[in-house]
Amino acid sequence: MNVNDLRPGTTFLYENNIYVVIDQSFSKTGRQQGKVTVKVKNLRSGSRTEMTFTGGDKVDKAMIERKEMQYLYNDGNDAYLMDVGTYDQVQIPMKNLDWEKNFLTDGLMIKMTEYEGEILGVALPDKVELKIIEAEAAVKGDTTSGAQKKATVETGWEIQVPLFVTEGTVVIVNTVDGKYAGRAQ
């Protein structure tokens, strides 16, 4: 594909790496050939960079596949996921799920991205429900507006919660920043 066709969200292959376009701009001065500058994210390493191409350059389009998967369990080294359509199981090293492991519970539906069989990563839902397994006691008389205390959820992640939240309460946690987002119904 021609670099002039690169738009935010487009995935392409360049120098043995897979990139997704975050932002794109085009500039042309005088008689010179136009330049396409793209801000990209490397889907293998997660690093972000900026690349500049001349208007006639070409890159290979990368066909990224997104699959609906169900998280089954982890054995400490690997996480096991099941494709909900085919019931095939795949495993991902836990070291590749450093942030995501804080929110993974058995049966959670996630989206996995892959390129020609290579697993590039997983995308969690924006918010997940997690059970509080340990919570500090609320201090009597502490009625300051917005007062919070520490609590630990079933995955081991520590969050700040309002004083009324107790052990056994199911709360909603934002997976983007890892913060308390409300009490589950």
C-alpha atoms as a PDB file:
ATOM      1  CA  MET A   1       0.000   0.000   0.000  1.00  0.00           C
ATOM      2  CA  ASN A   2       1.112   3.556  -0.654  1.00  0.00           C
ATOM      3  CA  VAL A   3       2.151   5.575   2.431  1.00  0.00           C
ATOM      4  CA  ASN A   4      -0.329   8.298   1.366  1.00  0.00           C
ATOM      5  CA  ASP A   5      -3.100   5.832   2.322  1.00  0.00           C
ATOM      6  CA  LEU A   6      -1.923   5.482   5.942  1.00  0.00           C
ATOM      7  CA  ARG A   7      -4.620   6.659   8.355  1.00  0.00           C
ATOM      8  CA  PRO A   8      -5.031   6.383  12.151  1.00  0.00           C
ATOM      9  CA  GLY A   9      -5.862   2.759  13.007  1.00  0.00           C
ATOM     10  CA  THR A  10      -4.171   1.322   9.889  1.00  0.00           C
ATOM     11  CA  THR A  11      -1.735  -1.518  10.569  1.00  0.00           C
ATOM     12  CA  PHE A  12       1.298  -2.095   8.373  1.00  0.00           C
ATOM     13  CA  LEU A  13       4.482  -4.133   8.158  1.00  0.00           C
ATOM     14  CA  TYR A  14       7.798  -2.233   7.861  1.00  0.00           C
ATOM     15  CA  GLU A  15      11.346  -3.520   8.431  1.00  0.00           C
ATOM     16  CA  ASN A  16      10.075  -6.753  10.044  1.00  0.00           C
ATOM     17  CA  ASN A  17       7.910  -4.927  12.603  1.00  0.00           C
ATOM     18  CA  ILE A  18       4.156  -4.453  12.809  1.00  0.00           C
ATOM     19  CA  TYR A  19       2.923  -0.916  13.420  1.00  0.00           C
ATOM     20  CA  VAL A  20      -0.433   0.743  13.961  1.00  0.00           C
ATOM     21  CA  VAL A  21      -0.824   4.390  12.899  1.00  0.00           C
ATOM     22  CA  ILE A  22      -1.752   6.767  15.730  1.00  0.00           C
ATOM     23  CA  ASP A  23      -1.507  10.046  13.799  1.00  0.00           C
ATOM     24  CA  GLN A  24      -0.608  11.033  10.237  1.00  0.00           C
ATOM     25  CA  SER A  25       0.339  14.284   8.509  1.00  0.00           C
ATOM     26  CA  PHE A  26       1.350  15.217   4.971  1.00  0.00           C
ATOM     27  CA  SER A  27       3.575  18.125   3.953  1.00  0.00           C
ATOM     28  CA  LYS A  28       4.812  19.383   0.596  1.00  0.00           C
ATOM     29  CA  THR A  29       7.111  22.290  -0.108  1.00  0.00           C
ATOM     30  CA  GLY A  30       7.890  23.742  -3.529  1.00  0.00           C
ATOM     31  CA  ARG A  31       8.913  21.217  -6.140  1.00  0.00           C
ATOM     32  CA  GLN A  32       9.959  18.577  -3.640  1.00  0.00           C
ATOM     33  CA  GLN A  33       8.033  15.380  -3.358  1.00  0.00           C
ATOM     34  CA  GLY A  34       5.543  15.339  -0.463  1.00  0.00           C
ATOM     35  CA  LYS A  35       6.460  13.810   2.888  1.00  0.00           C
ATOM     36  CA  VAL A  36       4.191  11.634   4.988  1.00  0.00           C
ATOM     37  CA  THR A  37       4.930  11.694   8.713  1.00  0.00           C
ATOM     38  CA  VAL A  38       3.222   9.094  10.886  1.00  0.00           C
ATOM     39  CA  LYS A  39       3.224   8.562  14.635  1.00  0.00           C
ATOM     40  CA  VAL A  40       3.097   4.810  15.156  1.00  0.00           C
ATOM     41  CA  LYS A  41       3.016   2.171  17.877  1.00  0.00           C
ATOM     42  CA  ASN A  42       5.058  -1.002  17.458  1.00  0.00           C
ATOM     43  CA  LEU A  43       2.593  -3.825  18.191  1.00  0.00           C
ATOM     44  CA  ARG A  44       5.369  -6.228  19.209  1.00  0.00           C
ATOM     45  CA  SER A  45       7.267  -4.020  21.663  1.00  0.00           C
ATOM     46  CA  GLY A  46       4.627  -1.410  22.531  1.00  0.00           C
ATOM     47  CA  SER A  47       7.066   1.449  21.822  1.00  0.00           C
ATOM     48  CA  ARG A  48       5.904   4.602  20.061  1.00  0.00           C
ATOM     49  CA  THR A  49       7.891   6.434  17.430  1.00  0.00           C
ATOM     50  CA  GLU A  50       7.586   8.805  14.483  1.00  0.00           C
ATOM     51  CA  MET A  51       8.440   7.832  10.893  1.00  0.00           C
ATOM     52  CA  THR A  52       8.795   9.956   7.788  1.00  0.00           C
ATOM     53  CA  PHE A  53       8.279   8.601   4.261  1.00  0.00           C
ATOM     54  CA  THR A  54       8.404  10.268   0.853  1.00  0.00           C
ATOM     55  CA  GLY A  55       5.105  10.362  -1.010  1.00  0.00           C
ATOM     56  CA  GLY A  56       5.806   7.420  -3.345  1.00  0.00           C
ATOM     57  CA  ASP A  57       7.041   4.945  -0.698  1.00  0.00           C
ATOM     58  CA  LYS A  58       5.176   1.710  -0.134  1.00  0.00           C
ATOM     59  CA  VAL A  59       4.619  -0.469   2.956  1.00  0.00           C
ATOM     60  CA  ASP A  60       2.927  -3.849   3.341  1.00  0.00           C
ATOM     61  CA  LYS A  61      -0.524  -3.864   4.893  1.00  0.00           C
ATOM     62  CA  ALA A  62      -0.680  -6.091   7.976  1.00  0.00           C
ATOM     63  CA  MET A  63      -3.905  -8.018   8.415  1.00  0.00           C
ATOM     64  CA  ILE A  64      -4.387  -8.076  12.181  1.00  0.00           C
ATOM     65  CA  GLU A  65      -6.958 -10.547  13.435  1.00  0.00           C
ATOM     66  CA  ARG A  66      -8.986  -9.786  16.551  1.00  0.00           C
ATOM     67  CA  LYS A  67     -10.602 -12.707  18.334  1.00  0.00           C
ATOM     68  CA  GLU A  68     -13.088 -12.866  21.175  1.00  0.00           C
ATOM     69  CA  MET A  69     -11.440 -15.034  23.832  1.00  0.00           C
ATOM     70  CA  GLN A  70     -12.362 -16.258  27.296  1.00  0.00           C
ATOM     71  CA  TYR A  71      -9.739 -16.211  30.047  1.00  0.00           C
ATOM     72  CA  LEU A  72      -9.655 -19.648  31.679  1.00  0.00           C
ATOM     73  CA  TYR A  73      -6.809 -19.667  34.228  1.00  0.00           C
ATOM     74  CA  ASN A  74      -3.067 -19.224  34.713  1.00  0.00           C
ATOM     75  CA  ASP A  75      -0.509 -21.636  36.107  1.00  0.00           C
ATOM     76  CA  GLY A  76       1.922 -18.950  37.260  1.00  0.00           C
ATOM     77  CA  ASN A  77       3.937 -19.022  34.023  1.00  0.00           C
ATOM     78  CA  ASP A  78       1.250 -18.932  31.310  1.00  0.00           C
ATOM     79  CA  ALA A  79      -2.307 -17.658  30.934  1.00  0.00           C
ATOM     80  CA  TYR A  80      -4.731 -19.954  29.129  1.00  0.00           C
ATOM     81  CA  LEU A  81      -7.388 -18.493  26.822  1.00  0.00           C
ATOM     82  CA  MET A  82     -10.134 -20.201  24.852  1.00  0.00           C
ATOM     83  CA  ASP A  83     -11.498 -19.095  21.481  1.00  0.00           C
ATOM     84  CA  VAL A  84     -15.269 -18.861  22.038  1.00  0.00           C
ATOM     85  CA  GLY A  85     -15.994 -19.798  18.426  1.00  0.00           C
ATOM     86  CA  THR A  86     -13.783 -22.853  17.952  1.00  0.00           C
ATOM     87  CA  TYR A  87     -13.010 -23.827  21.596  1.00  0.00           C
ATOM     88  CA  ASP A  88      -9.293 -23.863  20.694  1.00  0.00           C
ATOM     89  CA  GLN A  89      -7.010 -22.961  23.583  1.00  0.00           C
ATOM     90  CA  VAL A  90      -3.946 -20.742  23.439  1.00  0.00           C
ATOM     91  CA  GLN A  91      -1.433 -19.814  26.073  1.00  0.00           C
ATOM     92  CA  ILE A  92       0.302 -16.497  26.606  1.00  0.00           C
ATOM     93  CA  PRO A  93       3.319 -16.047  28.895  1.00  0.00           C
ATOM     94  CA  MET A  94       2.264 -14.156  32.055  1.00  0.00           C
ATOM     95  CA  LYS A  95       5.257 -11.799  31.582  1.00  0.00           C
ATOM     96  CA  ASN A  96       3.432 -10.455  28.497  1.00  0.00           C
ATOM     97  CA  LEU A  97       0.361  -9.639  30.621  1.00  0.00           C
ATOM     98  CA  ASP A  98       2.074  -7.531  33.272  1.00  0.00           C
ATOM     99  CA  TRP A  99      -0.746  -4.954  33.620  1.00  0.00           C
ATOM    100  CA  GLU A 100      -3.640  -7.143  32.463  1.00  0.00           C
ATOM    101  CA  LYS A 101      -3.046  -9.842  35.122  1.00  0.00           C
ATOM    102  CA  ASN A 102      -4.325  -7.424  37.782  1.00  0.00           C
ATOM    103  CA  PHE A 103      -7.844  -7.694  36.337  1.00  0.00           C
ATOM    104  CA  LEU A 104      -8.082 -11.235  34.911  1.00  0.00           C
ATOM    105  CA  THR A 105     -10.701 -13.458  36.534  1.00  0.00           C
ATOM    106  CA  ASP A 106     -11.874 -16.877  35.395  1.00  0.00           C
ATOM    107  CA  GLY A 107     -14.380 -16.589  32.549  1.00  0.00           C
ATOM    108  CA  LEU A 108     -13.574 -12.939  31.667  1.00  0.00           C
ATOM    109  CA  MET A 109     -14.193 -12.151  27.977  1.00  0.00           C
ATOM    110  CA  ILE A 110     -11.272 -10.330  26.312  1.00  0.00           C
ATOM    111  CA  LYS A 111     -10.128  -9.505  22.783  1.00  0.00           C
ATOM    112  CA  MET A 112      -6.860 -11.007  21.543  1.00  0.00           C
ATOM    113  CA  THR A 113      -4.955  -9.547  18.582  1.00  0.00           C
ATOM    114  CA  GLU A 114      -2.731 -11.709  16.421  1.00  0.00           C
ATOM    115  CA  TYR A 115      -0.791 -11.526  13.184  1.00  0.00           C
ATOM    116  CA  GLU A 116      -0.258 -14.755  11.233  1.00  0.00           C
ATOM    117  CA  GLY A 117      -0.499 -16.842  14.407  1.00  0.00           C
ATOM    118  CA  GLU A 118       1.735 -14.532  16.492  1.00  0.00           C
ATOM    119  CA  ILE A 119      -0.134 -13.220  19.533  1.00  0.00           C
ATOM    120  CA  LEU A 120       0.442  -9.477  19.800  1.00  0.00           C
ATOM    121  CA  GLY A 121      -1.599  -8.768  22.914  1.00  0.00           C
ATOM    122  CA  VAL A 122      -4.945  -8.718  24.640  1.00  0.00           C
ATOM    123  CA  ALA A 123      -7.470  -5.956  25.219  1.00  0.00           C
ATOM    124  CA  LEU A 124      -9.487  -5.985  28.428  1.00  0.00           C
ATOM    125  CA  PRO A 125     -12.992  -4.594  28.808  1.00  0.00           C
ATOM    126  CA  ASP A 126     -12.936  -0.970  30.054  1.00  0.00           C
ATOM    127  CA  LYS A 127     -14.329  -2.020  33.438  1.00  0.00           C
ATOM    128  CA  VAL A 128     -14.403  -5.329  35.313  1.00  0.00           C
ATOM    129  CA  GLU A 129     -16.184  -6.555  38.426  1.00  0.00           C
ATOM    130  CA  LEU A 130     -13.875  -7.787  41.180  1.00  0.00           C
ATOM    131  CA  LYS A 131     -14.578  -9.017  44.701  1.00  0.00           C
ATOM    132  CA  ILE A 132     -12.937  -7.312  47.691  1.00  0.00           C
ATOM    133  CA  ILE A 133     -11.044  -9.939  49.725  1.00  0.00           C
ATOM    134  CA  GLU A 134      -9.423  -7.601  52.235  1.00  0.00           C
ATOM    135  CA  ALA A 135     -10.303  -4.068  53.345  1.00  0.00           C
ATOM    136  CA  GLU A 136      -9.020  -1.767  56.058  1.00  0.00           C
ATOM    137  CA  ALA A 137     -11.481  -0.928  58.808  1.00  0.00           C
ATOM    138  CA  ALA A 138     -13.134   2.457  58.489  1.00  0.00           C
ATOM    139  CA  VAL A 139     -11.990   4.867  61.195  1.00  0.00           C
ATOM    140  CA  LYS A 140     -14.927   5.903  63.402  1.00  0.00           C
ATOM    141  CA  GLY A 141     -15.679   9.585  63.053  1.00  0.00           C
ATOM    142  CA  ASP A 142     -13.815   9.909  59.746  1.00  0.00           C
ATOM    143  CA  THR A 143     -16.586  11.577  57.784  1.00  0.00           C
ATOM    144  CA  THR A 144     -14.475  13.740  55.543  1.00  0.00           C
ATOM    145  CA  SER A 145     -16.098  14.071  52.145  1.00  0.00           C
ATOM    146  CA  GLY A 146     -14.568  11.536  49.763  1.00  0.00           C
ATOM    147  CA  ALA A 147     -12.624   9.664  52.467  1.00  0.00           C
ATOM    148  CA  GLN A 148     -11.083   6.432  51.190  1.00  0.00           C
ATOM    149  CA  LYS A 149      -9.296   3.351  52.478  1.00  0.00           C
ATOM    150  CA  LYS A 150      -7.083   0.616  51.004  1.00  0.00           C
ATOM    151  CA  ALA A 151      -8.622  -2.633  49.790  1.00  0.00           C
ATOM    152  CA  THR A 152      -7.344  -5.708  47.960  1.00  0.00           C
ATOM    153  CA  VAL A 153      -9.370  -7.394  45.211  1.00  0.00           C
ATOM    154  CA  GLU A 154      -9.408 -11.110  44.341  1.00  0.00           C
ATOM    155  CA  THR A 155      -6.543 -10.752  41.852  1.00  0.00           C
ATOM    156  CA  GLY A 156      -4.241  -9.200  44.467  1.00  0.00           C
ATOM    157  CA  TRP A 157      -4.522  -5.657  43.055  1.00  0.00           C
ATOM    158  CA  GLU A 158      -4.747  -2.907  45.708  1.00  0.00           C
ATOM    159  CA  ILE A 159      -7.171  -0.047  45.193  1.00  0.00           C
ATOM    160  CA  GLN A 160      -8.567   2.906  47.139  1.00  0.00           C
ATOM    161  CA  VAL A 161     -12.277   2.510  47.924  1.00  0.00           C
ATOM    162  CA  PRO A 162     -14.893   4.559  49.810  1.00  0.00           C
ATOM    163  CA  LEU A 163     -15.276   3.827  53.537  1.00  0.00           C
ATOM    164  CA  PHE A 164     -18.572   1.922  53.113  1.00  0.00           C
ATOM    165  CA  VAL A 165     -16.936  -0.852  51.028  1.00  0.00           C
ATOM    166  CA  THR A 166     -16.285  -4.013  53.074  1.00  0.00           C
ATOM    167  CA  GLU A 167     -14.830  -7.480  52.466  1.00  0.00           C
ATOM    168  CA  GLY A 168     -17.017  -9.525  50.149  1.00  0.00           C
ATOM    169  CA  THR A 169     -18.336  -6.466  48.284  1.00  0.00           C
ATOM    170  CA  VAL A 170     -18.128  -6.703  44.486  1.00  0.00           C
ATOM    171  CA  VAL A 171     -16.781  -3.473  42.985  1.00  0.00           C
ATOM    172  CA  ILE A 172     -16.246  -2.156  39.468  1.00  0.00           C
ATOM    173  CA  VAL A 173     -12.615  -1.376  38.614  1.00  0.00           C
ATOM    174  CA  ASN A 174     -11.445   0.664  35.618  1.00  0.00           C
ATOM    175  CA  THR A 175      -8.842  -1.403  33.702  1.00  0.00           C
ATOM    176  CA  VAL A 176      -7.250   1.681  32.102  1.00  0.00           C
ATOM    177  CA  ASP A 177      -6.034   3.285  35.347  1.00  0.00           C
ATOM    178  CA  GLY A 178      -6.770   0.506  37.876  1.00  0.00           C
ATOM    179  CA  LYS A 179      -9.013   2.674  40.066  1.00  0.00           C
ATOM    180  CA  TYR A 180     -12.333   2.074  41.814  1.00  0.00           C
ATOM    181  CA  ALA A 181     -15.243   3.022  39.543  1.00  0.00           C
ATOM    182  CA  GLY A 182     -18.268   2.046  41.615  1.00  0.00           C
ATOM    183  CA  ARG A 183     -20.110  -0.736  43.384  1.00  0.00           C
ATOM    184  CA  ALA A 184     -21.498  -3.600  41.302  1.00  0.00           C
ATOM    185  CA  GLN A 185     -25.240  -4.322  41.464  1.00  0.00           C
END
